[in-house]
Amino acid sequence: MSVGLIFGDTLRQNWRQILYWGGGLGLLAVYVFIAIPDMNALQQYANLVKALPPAILEAFGMSDAEMLATPDGFIIFGVFSYGILIMAVFAVMAGMGVTANEEDDGILDMVLSLPLPRWRLVVEKTLAYLVIAVGIVAVMFIALAVGTNFSGLEIREQVHLDIMAKSAINLLPSVTLMITATVFAGAFFRRKAIAMGVVAAFIIVSYFMDFLAEVASGALSEFMKAASFFTYFNSEGVMREGLNFSNIALLLGVSIVLFVASIWAFQRRDIGA
């Protein structure tokens, strides 16, 4: 089979996910803009949130409640902090689509009976889903840019689309990590249910470790933060300081390791029951 055939076929079958997921995130962005009446309301909202315990605020991806008093901060809180959780669902579904779904359906043996090396199946399908993830984030950003028109002039003039673009780009390393982690689980475990349970536990535990680190102290807090990939997502930090290329490199580096491990695991185990 020619190189790129599986990649193209995967895109043809799944390109509509760009519209579905991207459109859904875009509607969330538009809703957030509609929910911002004026600057006074934002300040009142920030004052209300300040009364919450730090761990609760951290659970929603923010550590400084005062940032919610700015349009950029409110949008990052309302769109990107929730967007990463929505994209986690997509990432698991996409990763399962590389090998686990077809193996669970009993058709992977038939696919592999074609003159197709196993590694190419993993590589081309994973790359196709990563392209789809980029498309979803692009559609979300376009909708976000259009959504500025649904807010008042006072708000619209204080929204910085360059910060929004960086925040959108910042989603991709974490999504890449979740996709490759799911691909690895699907390639390593024979049962789809086990693979999905393992990767779901990985994401959920990582999420809770990130905000529970605010409650813990000392070495335990540092360990929990270092072990959670949500720490390196840090949408609040992107708003303040721009993209953190060290965090991006770390997430992509782990993704590459998982990707290579997926190919290794899939090459070496029996397929099917």
Protein backbone atom coordinates (compact mmCIF):
# COMPACT_ATOMS: atom_id res chain seq x y z
CA MET A 1 0.00 0.00 0.00
CA SER A 2 1.27 3.46 -0.89
CA VAL A 3 2.59 5.72 1.84
CA GLY A 4 -0.05 8.12 3.12
CA LEU A 5 -3.05 6.02 2.09
CA ILE A 6 -4.10 5.26 5.68
CA PHE A 7 -3.44 8.88 6.66
CA GLY A 8 -5.68 10.20 3.86
CA ASP A 9 -8.40 7.62 4.49
CA THR A 10 -8.48 8.49 8.20
CA LEU A 11 -8.83 12.18 7.37
CA ARG A 12 -11.61 11.50 4.85
CA GLN A 13 -13.57 9.48 7.39
CA ASN A 14 -13.11 11.86 10.32
CA TRP A 15 -12.66 15.41 8.98
CA ARG A 16 -16.17 16.33 10.09
CA GLN A 17 -14.95 16.10 13.69
CA ILE A 18 -13.15 19.37 13.00
CA LEU A 19 -16.52 21.03 12.49
CA TYR A 20 -18.30 19.23 15.33
CA TRP A 21 -15.69 19.70 18.05
CA GLY A 22 -14.42 23.02 16.76
CA GLY A 23 -17.96 24.32 16.36
CA GLY A 24 -18.86 23.23 19.88
CA LEU A 25 -15.85 24.98 21.36
CA GLY A 26 -16.62 27.98 19.17
CA LEU A 27 -20.13 28.19 20.59
CA LEU A 28 -18.63 28.10 24.07
CA ALA A 29 -16.43 31.06 23.11
CA VAL A 30 -19.39 33.02 21.74
CA TYR A 31 -21.37 32.26 24.91
CA VAL A 32 -18.50 33.59 27.05
CA PHE A 33 -18.50 36.85 25.08
CA ILE A 34 -22.25 37.19 25.49
CA ALA A 35 -21.82 36.59 29.24
CA ILE A 36 -19.53 39.63 29.61
CA PRO A 37 -21.84 42.65 29.99
CA ASP A 38 -19.28 45.30 31.01
CA MET A 39 -16.08 45.89 33.00
CA ASN A 40 -17.97 46.57 36.25
CA ALA A 41 -19.61 43.17 36.06
CA LEU A 42 -16.22 41.53 35.53
CA GLN A 43 -14.83 43.22 38.64
CA GLN A 44 -17.83 42.10 40.68
CA TYR A 45 -17.33 38.55 39.43
CA ALA A 46 -13.63 38.68 40.36
CA ASN A 47 -14.50 39.93 43.86
CA LEU A 48 -16.93 37.05 44.29
CA VAL A 49 -14.38 34.47 43.17
CA LYS A 50 -11.75 35.85 45.57
CA ALA A 51 -13.79 34.43 48.44
CA LEU A 52 -13.29 30.87 47.14
CA PRO A 53 -10.53 28.64 48.57
CA PRO A 54 -7.38 28.62 46.40
CA ALA A 55 -7.80 24.91 45.59
CA ILE A 56 -11.26 25.52 44.12
CA LEU A 57 -9.94 28.34 41.96
CA GLU A 58 -7.01 26.18 40.87
CA ALA A 59 -9.47 23.46 39.84
CA PHE A 60 -10.75 25.86 37.19
CA GLY A 61 -7.28 26.69 35.95
CA MET A 62 -6.74 30.03 37.72
CA SER A 63 -4.69 31.07 40.74
CA ASP A 64 -5.25 34.84 40.67
CA ALA A 65 -8.91 35.86 40.91
CA GLU A 66 -8.03 39.42 39.88
CA MET A 67 -7.26 38.16 36.38
CA LEU A 68 -10.97 37.49 35.97
CA ALA A 69 -11.55 41.23 36.11
CA THR A 70 -9.98 41.54 32.64
CA PRO A 71 -11.66 40.39 29.41
CA ASP A 72 -8.61 38.31 28.44
CA GLY A 73 -8.54 36.57 31.82
CA PHE A 74 -12.27 35.87 31.78
CA ILE A 75 -12.09 34.42 28.26
CA ILE A 76 -9.12 32.21 29.15
CA PHE A 77 -11.00 31.03 32.23
CA GLY A 78 -14.27 30.48 30.38
CA VAL A 79 -12.94 29.04 27.11
CA PHE A 80 -9.51 27.50 27.50
CA SER A 81 -9.75 26.15 31.05
CA TYR A 82 -12.88 24.26 30.02
CA GLY A 83 -11.64 23.71 26.48
CA ILE A 84 -8.75 21.52 27.63
CA LEU A 85 -11.23 19.23 29.41
CA ILE A 86 -13.44 19.03 26.32
CA MET A 87 -10.40 18.30 24.18
CA ALA A 88 -9.45 15.53 26.62
CA VAL A 89 -12.62 13.70 25.59
CA PHE A 90 -11.74 14.15 21.92
CA ALA A 91 -8.17 12.99 22.56
CA VAL A 92 -9.30 9.73 24.16
CA MET A 93 -11.77 9.06 21.35
CA ALA A 94 -9.14 9.84 18.73
CA GLY A 95 -6.48 7.69 20.39
CA MET A 96 -8.90 4.79 20.65
CA GLY A 97 -9.55 5.16 16.92
CA VAL A 98 -5.97 4.31 16.00
CA THR A 99 -5.98 0.60 16.90
CA ALA A 100 -8.24 -0.16 19.86
CA ASN A 101 -11.63 0.38 18.20
CA GLU A 102 -10.89 -1.86 15.22
CA GLU A 103 -9.35 -4.53 17.45
CA ASP A 104 -12.40 -4.47 19.73
CA ASP A 105 -14.68 -4.77 16.69
CA GLY A 106 -12.70 -7.77 15.47
CA ILE A 107 -11.66 -6.24 12.15
CA LEU A 108 -8.05 -5.33 12.89
CA ASP A 109 -6.84 -8.77 11.77
CA MET A 110 -8.40 -8.14 8.38
CA VAL A 111 -6.78 -4.70 8.13
CA LEU A 112 -3.37 -6.12 8.99
CA SER A 113 -3.77 -8.90 6.41
CA LEU A 114 -3.19 -6.21 3.79
CA PRO A 115 0.40 -5.47 2.69
CA LEU A 116 0.68 -2.87 5.43
CA PRO A 117 3.39 -2.79 8.14
CA ARG A 118 1.96 -2.43 11.62
CA TRP A 119 4.06 0.66 12.35
CA ARG A 120 2.53 2.51 9.39
CA LEU A 121 -0.99 1.93 10.71
CA VAL A 122 -0.04 3.52 14.04
CA VAL A 123 1.98 6.36 12.52
CA GLU A 124 -0.44 7.41 9.78
CA LYS A 125 -3.61 7.20 11.85
CA THR A 126 -2.06 9.04 14.79
CA LEU A 127 -0.78 11.81 12.52
CA ALA A 128 -4.22 12.12 10.92
CA TYR A 129 -5.88 12.61 14.31
CA LEU A 130 -3.23 15.17 15.27
CA VAL A 131 -4.07 17.12 12.11
CA ILE A 132 -7.74 16.95 13.06
CA ALA A 133 -6.87 18.29 16.53
CA VAL A 134 -5.09 21.25 14.92
CA GLY A 135 -8.17 21.85 12.77
CA ILE A 136 -10.46 21.81 15.81
CA VAL A 137 -8.35 24.38 17.62
CA ALA A 138 -8.19 26.54 14.48
CA VAL A 139 -11.98 26.53 14.12
CA MET A 140 -12.33 27.37 17.81
CA PHE A 141 -9.99 30.36 17.44
CA ILE A 142 -11.83 31.63 14.37
CA ALA A 143 -15.12 31.41 16.26
CA LEU A 144 -13.52 33.18 19.21
CA ALA A 145 -12.31 36.01 16.96
CA VAL A 146 -15.78 36.32 15.44
CA GLY A 147 -17.31 36.14 18.92
CA THR A 148 -15.73 39.44 19.90
CA ASN A 149 -18.50 41.08 17.87
CA PHE A 150 -21.05 39.79 20.39
CA SER A 151 -19.56 41.86 23.20
CA GLY A 152 -19.80 45.59 23.84
CA LEU A 153 -17.26 48.06 22.48
CA GLU A 154 -15.66 48.52 25.92
CA ILE A 155 -14.95 44.79 26.19
CA ARG A 156 -14.05 44.32 22.53
CA GLU A 157 -11.33 46.96 22.66
CA GLN A 158 -9.62 45.19 25.56
CA VAL A 159 -9.54 41.70 24.04
CA HIS A 160 -6.08 40.86 22.70
CA LEU A 161 -6.37 38.32 19.89
CA ASP A 162 -2.63 37.66 20.00
CA ILE A 163 -3.05 36.34 23.56
CA MET A 164 -6.03 34.28 22.42
CA ALA A 165 -3.96 32.84 19.54
CA LYS A 166 -1.14 31.87 21.90
CA SER A 167 -3.67 30.30 24.28
CA ALA A 168 -5.11 28.28 21.40
CA ILE A 169 -1.65 27.09 20.35
CA ASN A 170 -0.96 26.23 23.99
CA LEU A 171 -3.78 23.66 23.87
CA LEU A 172 -2.05 21.55 21.24
CA PRO A 173 0.91 20.09 23.22
CA SER A 174 -1.41 18.84 25.98
CA VAL A 175 -3.85 17.41 23.45
CA THR A 176 -0.97 15.73 21.63
CA LEU A 177 0.15 14.16 24.91
CA MET A 178 -3.36 12.85 25.66
CA ILE A 179 -3.75 11.42 22.14
CA THR A 180 -0.39 9.64 22.22
CA ALA A 181 -1.02 8.36 25.75
CA THR A 182 -4.30 6.87 24.52
CA VAL A 183 -2.64 5.38 21.44
CA PHE A 184 -0.05 3.77 23.70
CA ALA A 185 -2.71 2.34 26.01
CA GLY A 186 -4.62 0.96 23.03
CA ALA A 187 -1.45 -0.56 21.56
CA PHE A 188 -0.23 -2.02 24.85
CA PHE A 189 -3.46 -3.47 26.26
CA ARG A 190 -5.42 -6.02 24.34
CA ARG A 191 -8.80 -4.99 25.76
CA LYS A 192 -10.27 -1.63 24.78
CA ALA A 193 -12.05 -1.23 28.12
CA ILE A 194 -8.78 -1.65 30.03
CA ALA A 195 -6.96 0.77 27.74
CA MET A 196 -9.68 3.39 28.08
CA GLY A 197 -9.81 2.96 31.85
CA VAL A 198 -6.04 3.40 32.18
CA VAL A 199 -5.86 6.55 30.09
CA ALA A 200 -8.97 8.03 31.75
CA ALA A 201 -7.37 7.42 35.15
CA PHE A 202 -4.16 9.05 33.92
CA ILE A 203 -6.00 12.22 32.84
CA ILE A 204 -8.27 12.42 35.90
CA VAL A 205 -5.47 11.79 38.41
CA SER A 206 -3.26 14.34 36.65
CA TYR A 207 -6.06 16.91 36.79
CA PHE A 208 -6.72 16.43 40.50
CA MET A 209 -3.02 16.38 41.37
CA ASP A 210 -2.63 19.79 39.75
CA PHE A 211 -5.13 21.57 41.96
CA LEU A 212 -4.64 19.48 45.10
CA ALA A 213 -1.03 20.63 45.03
CA GLU A 214 -2.38 24.01 46.16
CA VAL A 215 -3.65 22.39 49.37
CA ALA A 216 -0.51 20.33 49.97
CA SER A 217 2.78 21.87 51.03
CA GLY A 218 6.48 21.31 50.74
CA ALA A 219 7.89 18.38 48.79
CA LEU A 220 4.47 16.78 48.31
CA SER A 221 3.12 19.89 46.60
CA GLU A 222 6.16 20.13 44.33
CA PHE A 223 5.91 16.44 43.41
CA MET A 224 2.20 16.66 42.58
CA LYS A 225 2.71 19.69 40.40
CA ALA A 226 5.68 18.17 38.59
CA ALA A 227 3.80 14.90 37.98
CA SER A 228 0.68 16.54 36.51
CA PHE A 229 0.76 17.48 32.85
CA PHE A 230 -1.95 20.08 33.55
CA THR A 231 0.74 22.05 35.38
CA TYR A 232 2.54 22.50 32.07
CA PHE A 233 -0.65 23.54 30.27
CA ASN A 234 -0.83 26.67 32.47
CA SER A 235 -3.18 28.87 30.43
CA GLU A 236 -2.90 31.61 33.04
CA GLY A 237 0.86 31.77 32.55
CA VAL A 238 0.40 32.14 28.78
CA MET A 239 -1.75 35.21 29.36
CA ARG A 240 0.89 36.79 31.58
CA GLU A 241 4.14 35.79 29.92
CA GLY A 242 3.32 34.24 26.55
CA LEU A 243 4.06 30.70 25.43
CA ASN A 244 6.37 28.73 27.70
CA PHE A 245 8.57 26.83 25.25
CA SER A 246 10.13 24.73 28.01
CA ASN A 247 6.69 23.40 28.93
CA ILE A 248 5.83 22.85 25.27
CA ALA A 249 9.10 20.98 24.67
CA LEU A 250 8.51 18.79 27.72
CA LEU A 251 4.97 17.85 26.71
CA LEU A 252 5.98 17.15 23.11
CA GLY A 253 9.03 15.20 24.26
CA VAL A 254 6.89 12.91 26.42
CA SER A 255 4.44 12.59 23.51
CA ILE A 256 7.24 11.42 21.20
CA VAL A 257 8.34 8.83 23.77
CA LEU A 258 4.76 7.55 24.07
CA PHE A 259 4.40 7.52 20.28
CA VAL A 260 7.55 5.43 19.82
CA ALA A 261 6.49 3.15 22.68
CA SER A 262 3.12 2.67 20.98
CA ILE A 263 4.77 1.47 17.78
CA TRP A 264 7.08 -0.83 19.77
CA ALA A 265 4.21 -2.32 21.79
CA PHE A 266 1.92 -2.80 18.81
CA GLN A 267 4.66 -4.50 16.79
CA ARG A 268 5.31 -7.08 19.49
CA ARG A 269 1.99 -8.38 20.71
CA ASP A 270 -0.69 -10.65 19.35
CA ILE A 271 -3.81 -9.03 17.93
CA GLY A 272 -7.33 -10.08 18.85
CA ALA A 273 -8.65 -12.33 21.57
